[in-house]
PDB file of N, CA and C in Angstrom:
ATOM      1  N   MET A   1       8.080 101.278 -40.207  1.00  0.00           N
ATOM      2  CA  MET A   1       8.816 100.693 -39.818  1.00  0.00           C
ATOM      3  C   MET A   1       8.315 100.494 -38.274  1.00  0.00           C
ATOM      4  N   GLN A   2       7.808 101.613 -37.942  1.00  0.00           N
ATOM      5  CA  GLN A   2       7.736 101.420 -35.807  1.00  0.00           C
ATOM      6  C   GLN A   2       6.383 100.252 -35.919  1.00  0.00           C
ATOM      7  N   SER A   3       5.585  99.620 -36.379  1.00  0.00           N
ATOM      8  CA  SER A   3       4.390  98.467 -36.278  1.00  0.00           C
ATOM      9  C   SER A   3       5.812  97.703 -35.897  1.00  0.00           C
ATOM     10  N   ARG A   4       6.535  97.889 -36.568  1.00  0.00           N
ATOM     11  CA  ARG A   4       7.147  96.483 -36.360  1.00  0.00           C
ATOM     12  C   ARG A   4       7.937  96.567 -35.899  1.00  0.00           C
ATOM     13  N   SER A   5       8.768  97.480 -35.574  1.00  0.00           N
ATOM     14  CA  SER A   5       9.493  97.857 -34.136  1.00  0.00           C
ATOM     15  C   SER A   5       8.425  97.673 -32.345  1.00  0.00           C
ATOM     16  N   ALA A   6       6.543  97.127 -32.778  1.00  0.00           N
ATOM     17  CA  ALA A   6       5.849  97.691 -31.820  1.00  0.00           C
ATOM     18  C   ALA A   6       5.894  96.861 -31.553  1.00  0.00           C
ATOM     19  N   ASP A   7       6.079  94.798 -32.363  1.00  0.00           N
ATOM     20  CA  ASP A   7       5.416  94.490 -32.756  1.00  0.00           C
ATOM     21  C   ASP A   7       6.891  93.696 -31.559  1.00  0.00           C
ATOM     22  N   PHE A   8       7.850  94.249 -32.211  1.00  0.00           N
ATOM     23  CA  PHE A   8       8.878  93.189 -31.643  1.00  0.00           C
ATOM     24  C   PHE A   8       9.401  93.207 -30.266  1.00  0.00           C
ATOM     25  N   LEU A   9       9.363  94.074 -29.422  1.00  0.00           N
ATOM     26  CA  LEU A   9       8.484  93.808 -27.652  1.00  0.00           C
ATOM     27  C   LEU A   9       8.590  93.095 -27.160  1.00  0.00           C
ATOM     28  N   PRO A  10       6.364  93.385 -27.545  1.00  0.00           N
ATOM     29  CA  PRO A  10       5.263  91.376 -27.347  1.00  0.00           C
ATOM     30  C   PRO A  10       5.737  90.670 -27.000  1.00  0.00           C
ATOM     31  N   THR A  11       6.839  90.371 -28.998  1.00  0.00           N
ATOM     32  CA  THR A  11       7.101  89.045 -28.557  1.00  0.00           C
ATOM     33  C   THR A  11       8.104  88.449 -28.188  1.00  0.00           C
ATOM     34  N   LEU A  12       9.152  89.782 -27.962  1.00  0.00           N
ATOM     35  CA  LEU A  12      10.699  88.589 -27.525  1.00  0.00           C
ATOM     36  C   LEU A  12      10.565  88.547 -25.440  1.00  0.00           C
ATOM     37  N   LEU A  13       8.851  89.642 -24.757  1.00  0.00           N
ATOM     38  CA  LEU A  13       8.805  89.264 -23.756  1.00  0.00           C
ATOM     39  C   LEU A  13       7.743  87.741 -23.669  1.00  0.00           C
ATOM     40  N   ALA A  14       7.165  87.790 -24.714  1.00  0.00           N
ATOM     41  CA  ALA A  14       6.681  86.415 -24.547  1.00  0.00           C
ATOM     42  C   ALA A  14       7.265  85.001 -25.057  1.00  0.00           C
ATOM     43  N   VAL A  15       8.234  85.236 -25.701  1.00  0.00           N
ATOM     44  CA  VAL A  15       9.091  83.763 -26.007  1.00  0.00           C
ATOM     45  C   VAL A  15       9.836  83.593 -24.329  1.00  0.00           C
ATOM     46  N   VAL A  16      10.486  84.817 -24.304  1.00  0.00           N
ATOM     47  CA  VAL A  16      11.031  84.368 -22.686  1.00  0.00           C
ATOM     48  C   VAL A  16      10.112  84.119 -21.448  1.00  0.00           C
ATOM     49  N   LEU A  17       9.239  84.277 -21.661  1.00  0.00           N
ATOM     50  CA  LEU A  17       8.406  84.235 -20.711  1.00  0.00           C
ATOM     51  C   LEU A  17       8.180  82.752 -20.595  1.00  0.00           C
ATOM     52  N   ALA A  18       7.632  82.453 -22.077  1.00  0.00           N
ATOM     53  CA  ALA A  18       7.695  80.731 -21.907  1.00  0.00           C
ATOM     54  C   ALA A  18       8.676  80.318 -21.964  1.00  0.00           C
ATOM     55  N   THR A  19       9.992  80.474 -22.045  1.00  0.00           N
ATOM     56  CA  THR A  19      11.022  79.723 -21.995  1.00  0.00           C
ATOM     57  C   THR A  19      10.733  79.852 -20.443  1.00  0.00           C
ATOM     58  N   LEU A  20      10.939  80.381 -19.511  1.00  0.00           N
ATOM     59  CA  LEU A  20      11.009  80.927 -18.241  1.00  0.00           C
ATOM     60  C   LEU A  20       9.862  79.723 -17.812  1.00  0.00           C
ATOM     61  N   LEU A  21       9.115  79.728 -17.592  1.00  0.00           N
ATOM     62  CA  LEU A  21       8.203  78.850 -17.507  1.00  0.00           C
ATOM     63  C   LEU A  21       8.598  77.476 -17.829  1.00  0.00           C
ATOM     64  N   PRO A  22       8.514  76.434 -18.059  1.00  0.00           N
ATOM     65  CA  PRO A  22       9.147  75.008 -18.074  1.00  0.00           C
ATOM     66  C   PRO A  22      10.584  74.909 -16.537  1.00  0.00           C
ATOM     67  N   VAL A  23      11.235  75.723 -17.650  1.00  0.00           N
ATOM     68  CA  VAL A  23      12.408  76.519 -16.625  1.00  0.00           C
ATOM     69  C   VAL A  23      12.776  75.653 -14.968  1.00  0.00           C
ATOM     70  N   MET A  24      11.253  76.634 -14.685  1.00  0.00           N
ATOM     71  CA  MET A  24      11.305  76.873 -13.345  1.00  0.00           C
ATOM     72  C   MET A  24      10.548  76.204 -13.067  1.00  0.00           C
ATOM     73  N   SER A  25       9.398  74.937 -13.727  1.00  0.00           N
ATOM     74  CA  SER A  25       8.713  74.090 -13.367  1.00  0.00           C
ATOM     75  C   SER A  25       9.465  73.086 -12.546  1.00  0.00           C
ATOM     76  N   VAL A  26      10.745  72.992 -13.410  1.00  0.00           N
ATOM     77  CA  VAL A  26      11.422  71.358 -13.360  1.00  0.00           C
ATOM     78  C   VAL A  26      12.633  71.903 -11.763  1.00  0.00           C
ATOM     79  N   ALA A  27      12.421  73.016 -12.273  1.00  0.00           N
ATOM     80  CA  ALA A  27      13.952  73.341 -10.898  1.00  0.00           C
ATOM     81  C   ALA A  27      12.674  73.866  -9.253  1.00  0.00           C
ATOM     82  N   PHE A  28      11.472  73.723  -9.876  1.00  0.00           N
ATOM     83  CA  PHE A  28      11.451  74.426  -8.052  1.00  0.00           C
ATOM     84  C   PHE A  28      10.146  73.079  -8.453  1.00  0.00           C
ATOM     85  N   VAL A  29      10.014  72.254  -8.169  1.00  0.00           N
ATOM     86  CA  VAL A  29       8.874  71.018  -8.864  1.00  0.00           C
ATOM     87  C   VAL A  29       9.890  70.113  -9.016  1.00  0.00           C
ATOM     88  N   SER A  30      10.393  69.888  -9.645  1.00  0.00           N
ATOM     89  CA  SER A  30      10.499  67.685 -10.130  1.00  0.00           C
ATOM     90  C   SER A  30      12.111  67.758  -9.269  1.00  0.00           C
ATOM     91  N   ILE A  31      13.182  68.601  -9.451  1.00  0.00           N
ATOM     92  CA  ILE A  31      13.884  68.462  -9.179  1.00  0.00           C
ATOM     93  C   ILE A  31      14.507  67.484  -7.092  1.00  0.00           C
ATOM     94  N   PRO A  32      13.386  68.260  -6.517  1.00  0.00           N
ATOM     95  CA  PRO A  32      13.154  68.997  -5.375  1.00  0.00           C
ATOM     96  C   PRO A  32      12.478  67.382  -4.967  1.00  0.00           C
ATOM     97  N   PHE A  33      11.030  66.839  -6.189  1.00  0.00           N
ATOM     98  CA  PHE A  33      10.449  65.584  -5.525  1.00  0.00           C
ATOM     99  C   PHE A  33      10.994  64.789  -5.498  1.00  0.00           C
ATOM    100  N   SER A  34      12.469  64.724  -6.400  1.00  0.00           N
ATOM    101  CA  SER A  34      13.270  63.607  -6.938  1.00  0.00           C
ATOM    102  C   SER A  34      14.602  63.668  -5.903  1.00  0.00           C
ATOM    103  N   ILE A  35      14.389  64.268  -5.293  1.00  0.00           N
ATOM    104  CA  ILE A  35      15.729  64.633  -4.160  1.00  0.00           C
ATOM    105  C   ILE A  35      15.134  65.001  -2.314  1.00  0.00           C
ATOM    106  N   GLY A  36      14.535  64.590  -2.656  1.00  0.00           N
ATOM    107  CA  GLY A  36      12.753  64.488  -1.379  1.00  0.00           C
ATOM    108  C   GLY A  36      12.933  65.455  -0.949  1.00  0.00           C
ATOM    109  N   GLY A  37      13.230  66.963  -1.409  1.00  0.00           N
ATOM    110  CA  GLY A  37      12.860  67.613  -0.606  1.00  0.00           C
ATOM    111  C   GLY A  37      13.838  69.277  -1.648  1.00  0.00           C
ATOM    112  N   HIS A  38      13.413  70.451  -1.170  1.00  0.00           N
ATOM    113  CA  HIS A  38      14.028  71.873  -0.750  1.00  0.00           C
ATOM    114  C   HIS A  38      16.073  71.682  -0.916  1.00  0.00           C
ATOM    115  N   PRO A  39      17.053  72.083  -1.353  1.00  0.00           N
ATOM    116  CA  PRO A  39      17.905  72.318  -1.216  1.00  0.00           C
ATOM    117  C   PRO A  39      18.093  73.204   0.216  1.00  0.00           C
ATOM    118  N   GLY A  40      19.321  72.680   1.614  1.00  0.00           N
ATOM    119  CA  GLY A  40      18.553  72.944   2.813  1.00  0.00           C
ATOM    120  C   GLY A  40      17.329  73.196   3.961  1.00  0.00           C
ATOM    121  N   GLU A  41      16.360  72.595   3.178  1.00  0.00           N
ATOM    122  CA  GLU A  41      15.490  72.406   3.388  1.00  0.00           C
ATOM    123  C   GLU A  41      15.634  71.142   4.569  1.00  0.00           C
ATOM    124  N   PRO A  42      15.132  70.897   6.285  1.00  0.00           N
ATOM    125  CA  PRO A  42      15.070  70.649   7.105  1.00  0.00           C
ATOM    126  C   PRO A  42      15.131  69.057   7.059  1.00  0.00           C
ATOM    127  N   ILE A  43      15.476  68.111   6.919  1.00  0.00           N
ATOM    128  CA  ILE A  43      14.492  66.797   6.569  1.00  0.00           C
ATOM    129  C   ILE A  43      13.390  66.323   7.151  1.00  0.00           C
ATOM    130  N   MET A  44      12.540  65.448   7.384  1.00  0.00           N
ATOM    131  CA  MET A  44      12.157  65.414   8.506  1.00  0.00           C
ATOM    132  C   MET A  44      11.590  63.415   8.085  1.00  0.00           C
ATOM    133  N   VAL A  45      12.804  63.392   8.818  1.00  0.00           N
ATOM    134  CA  VAL A  45      12.515  61.819   8.135  1.00  0.00           C
ATOM    135  C   VAL A  45      11.563  60.555   9.763  1.00  0.00           C
ATOM    136  N   ALA A  46      10.791  59.378   9.438  1.00  0.00           N
ATOM    137  CA  ALA A  46      10.431  59.337   9.820  1.00  0.00           C
ATOM    138  C   ALA A  46      10.813  57.986  10.599  1.00  0.00           C
ATOM    139  N   ALA A  47      10.244  57.471  12.109  1.00  0.00           N
ATOM    140  CA  ALA A  47      11.137  56.548  12.737  1.00  0.00           C
ATOM    141  C   ALA A  47      11.718  55.224  12.028  1.00  0.00           C
ATOM    142  N   ARG A  48      12.900  55.142  12.241  1.00  0.00           N
ATOM    143  CA  ARG A  48      12.920  53.695  10.994  1.00  0.00           C
ATOM    144  C   ARG A  48      13.382  53.053  12.180  1.00  0.00           C
ATOM    145  N   PRO A  49      13.907  51.713  12.300  1.00  0.00           N
ATOM    146  CA  PRO A  49      14.532  50.712  12.593  1.00  0.00           C
ATOM    147  C   PRO A  49      16.178  50.877  12.652  1.00  0.00           C
ATOM    148  N   ALA A  50      16.935  51.207  13.706  1.00  0.00           N
ATOM    149  CA  ALA A  50      18.707  51.430  13.800  1.00  0.00           C
ATOM    150  C   ALA A  50      18.873  50.276  12.431  1.00  0.00           C
ATOM    151  N   PHE A  51      18.184  49.361  11.918  1.00  0.00           N
ATOM    152  CA  PHE A  51      18.509  48.289  11.232  1.00  0.00           C
ATOM    153  C   PHE A  51      17.823  47.624   9.890  1.00  0.00           C
ATOM    154  N   HIS A  52      18.626  46.797   9.323  1.00  0.00           N
ATOM    155  CA  HIS A  52      17.225  46.707   8.078  1.00  0.00           C
ATOM    156  C   HIS A  52      16.724  44.552   8.292  1.00  0.00           C
ATOM    157  N   PRO A  53      15.799  44.875   8.642  1.00  0.00           N
ATOM    158  CA  PRO A  53      15.586  43.115   9.762  1.00  0.00           C
ATOM    159  C   PRO A  53      15.258  41.964   8.099  1.00  0.00           C
ATOM    160  N   SER A  54      16.484  42.020   7.225  1.00  0.00           N
ATOM    161  CA  SER A  54      16.950  40.932   6.429  1.00  0.00           C
ATOM    162  C   SER A  54      17.486  40.155   6.688  1.00  0.00           C
TER     163      SER A  54
END
């Protein structure tokens, strides 16, 4: 009985970490990339003309 419960904790921690890795990757890499920066971060905008030349 003790060997089975001793194997449970490392397995649980591995599953939790394996689940958090993709979630954190999406939250801190993919989403800021698509919105152009992290929320609350000042946006550095290049000098653009005031009108669209079309």
